[in-house]
Protein backbone atom coordinates (compact mmCIF):
# COMPACT_ATOMS: atom_id res chain seq x y z
CA MET A 1 -35.96 123.60 193.20
CA ALA A 2 -36.86 125.87 196.08
CA ASP A 3 -38.09 123.06 198.33
CA ARG A 4 -34.72 121.29 198.48
CA PRO A 5 -31.56 122.29 200.34
CA GLY A 6 -28.94 124.00 198.21
CA ALA A 7 -25.39 122.71 197.80
CA TRP A 8 -24.12 125.03 200.54
CA ASN A 9 -26.82 123.80 202.89
CA LEU A 10 -25.77 120.20 202.25
CA LEU A 11 -22.29 121.07 203.58
CA GLY A 12 -24.03 121.30 206.96
CA LEU A 13 -24.33 117.51 206.91
CA ILE A 14 -20.58 117.23 207.56
CA PRO A 15 -20.69 118.84 211.03
CA ILE A 16 -24.07 117.21 211.70
CA PHE A 17 -22.62 113.72 211.22
CA GLY A 18 -19.36 114.67 212.97
CA GLY A 19 -21.21 116.15 215.94
CA ALA A 20 -23.58 113.20 216.19
CA ALA A 21 -20.63 110.77 216.06
CA GLY A 22 -18.88 112.71 218.83
CA ILE A 23 -21.96 112.65 221.03
CA LEU A 24 -22.39 108.91 220.50
CA TRP A 25 -18.70 108.39 221.26
CA GLY A 26 -19.09 110.39 224.49
CA ILE A 27 -22.07 108.37 225.62
CA SER A 28 -20.12 105.20 224.88
CA ALA A 29 -17.00 106.47 226.67
CA HIS A 30 -18.95 107.23 229.82
CA THR A 31 -20.86 103.95 229.80
CA THR A 32 -18.26 101.43 228.65
CA HIS A 33 -14.91 102.89 229.73
CA SER A 34 -15.81 103.87 233.25
CA PRO A 35 -14.49 101.60 236.00
CA ASN A 36 -18.05 100.89 237.11
CA LYS A 37 -20.53 100.40 234.32
CA VAL A 38 -23.67 102.50 234.19
CA GLY A 39 -26.52 100.85 236.04
CA VAL A 40 -30.12 100.50 235.04
CA ASN A 41 -30.85 104.03 236.31
CA TRP A 42 -28.31 105.51 233.83
CA GLU A 43 -26.42 107.31 236.61
CA PRO A 44 -22.69 106.98 235.86
CA ASP A 45 -20.17 106.48 238.61
CA LYS A 46 -18.68 109.90 239.31
CA ASN A 47 -15.36 108.50 240.54
CA TYR A 48 -13.43 108.33 237.28
CA LEU A 49 -11.64 110.88 235.14
CA LEU A 50 -11.60 110.10 231.42
CA ARG A 51 -8.38 111.12 229.67
CA ASN A 52 -8.45 108.95 226.56
CA GLY A 53 -10.18 109.21 223.20
CA LEU A 54 -11.49 112.71 222.50
CA TYR A 55 -10.69 113.66 226.10
CA ALA A 56 -7.02 113.48 225.13
CA TYR A 57 -7.58 116.55 222.88
CA SER A 58 -10.38 118.46 224.61
CA ARG A 59 -11.52 118.67 228.23
CA ASN A 60 -15.08 119.13 226.95
CA PRO A 61 -15.61 116.97 223.86
CA MET A 62 -19.29 116.40 224.63
CA TYR A 63 -20.02 120.13 224.67
CA LEU A 64 -17.77 120.68 221.66
CA THR A 65 -19.49 118.03 219.55
CA GLU A 66 -22.91 119.36 220.61
CA LEU A 67 -21.91 122.80 219.34
CA ILE A 68 -20.55 121.28 216.11
CA LEU A 69 -23.88 119.51 215.63
CA MET A 70 -25.75 122.79 216.13
CA LEU A 71 -23.45 124.49 213.62
CA GLY A 72 -24.35 121.81 211.11
CA TRP A 73 -28.06 122.42 211.67
CA ALA A 74 -27.57 126.18 211.29
CA ILE A 75 -25.81 125.63 207.95
CA PHE A 76 -28.20 122.94 206.73
CA TYR A 77 -31.30 125.00 207.44
CA GLY A 78 -29.65 128.36 206.75
CA SER A 79 -31.08 129.41 210.09
CA ILE A 80 -29.99 132.57 211.85
CA ALA A 81 -32.08 131.50 214.88
CA VAL A 82 -30.11 128.25 215.25
CA LEU A 83 -26.85 130.19 214.82
CA VAL A 84 -27.89 132.63 217.57
CA ALA A 85 -28.84 129.68 219.81
CA LEU A 86 -25.42 128.15 219.09
CA ILE A 87 -23.67 131.35 220.17
CA VAL A 88 -25.76 131.65 223.33
CA TRP A 89 -25.18 127.97 224.17
CA ALA A 90 -21.40 128.33 223.59
CA LEU A 91 -21.29 131.38 225.87
CA PHE A 92 -23.27 129.51 228.54
CA PHE A 93 -20.90 126.54 228.36
CA ASN A 94 -17.74 128.67 228.33
CA PHE A 95 -18.60 131.15 231.06
CA TYR A 96 -20.92 129.22 233.38
CA GLN A 97 -21.22 125.45 232.97
CA ILE A 98 -17.59 124.53 232.30
CA PRO A 99 -16.07 126.72 235.05
CA LEU A 100 -18.59 125.24 237.50
CA GLU A 101 -17.69 121.69 236.46
CA GLU A 102 -13.97 122.48 236.56
CA ARG A 103 -14.24 123.65 240.18
CA ILE A 104 -16.09 120.46 241.10
CA LEU A 105 -13.60 118.23 239.26
CA GLU A 106 -10.64 120.02 240.80
CA ALA A 107 -12.11 119.61 244.29
CA HIS A 108 -12.84 115.93 243.64
CA PHE A 109 -9.71 114.83 241.74
CA ASP A 110 -7.27 117.44 243.12
CA GLU A 111 -3.82 117.26 241.50
CA ALA A 112 -4.82 114.68 238.86
CA TYR A 113 -7.36 117.09 237.37
CA ARG A 114 -5.07 120.12 237.67
CA GLU A 115 -2.39 118.25 235.73
CA TYR A 116 -4.93 117.19 233.08
CA LYS A 117 -6.25 120.77 232.90
CA ASN A 118 -2.73 122.14 232.39
CA HIS A 119 -2.09 119.82 229.44
CA ILE A 120 -5.41 119.53 227.62
CA PRO A 121 -7.17 122.60 226.17
CA ARG A 122 -10.67 123.48 227.31
CA TRP A 123 -12.15 123.25 223.81
CA PHE A 124 -9.68 121.96 221.24
CA GLY A 125 -6.15 122.73 220.27
CA ILE A 126 -2.57 121.81 220.79
CA VAL A 127 -1.95 119.48 223.71
CA ARG A 128 0.74 120.87 226.01
CA HIS A 129 3.28 118.36 227.34
């Protein structure tokens, strides 16, 4: 039937569920594992550096899982527009947002962040010891 997703489109559900799970994990990590819980205004305490969970494998698991989710939507809908948006978003993260955040984190956490940055890949990969 033409009005239903094809088998290949249904494969997009795998990264959709994986990306959504990663985003939910990230929200939980920043609200339950921070030294000071998030208040009613949803502003997390900026004085902690997460290094456990997905942060043990990627310095940017929230961005990574967001991109995985978008990849799932591109596959599910067979959408070139969503794929182009994914590429633009990945380039924005990689060349603007993440370097900006890394400078801020390095200034705030100094050697602790530099050590973390030297061991954990920006996106995902082999952890260097």
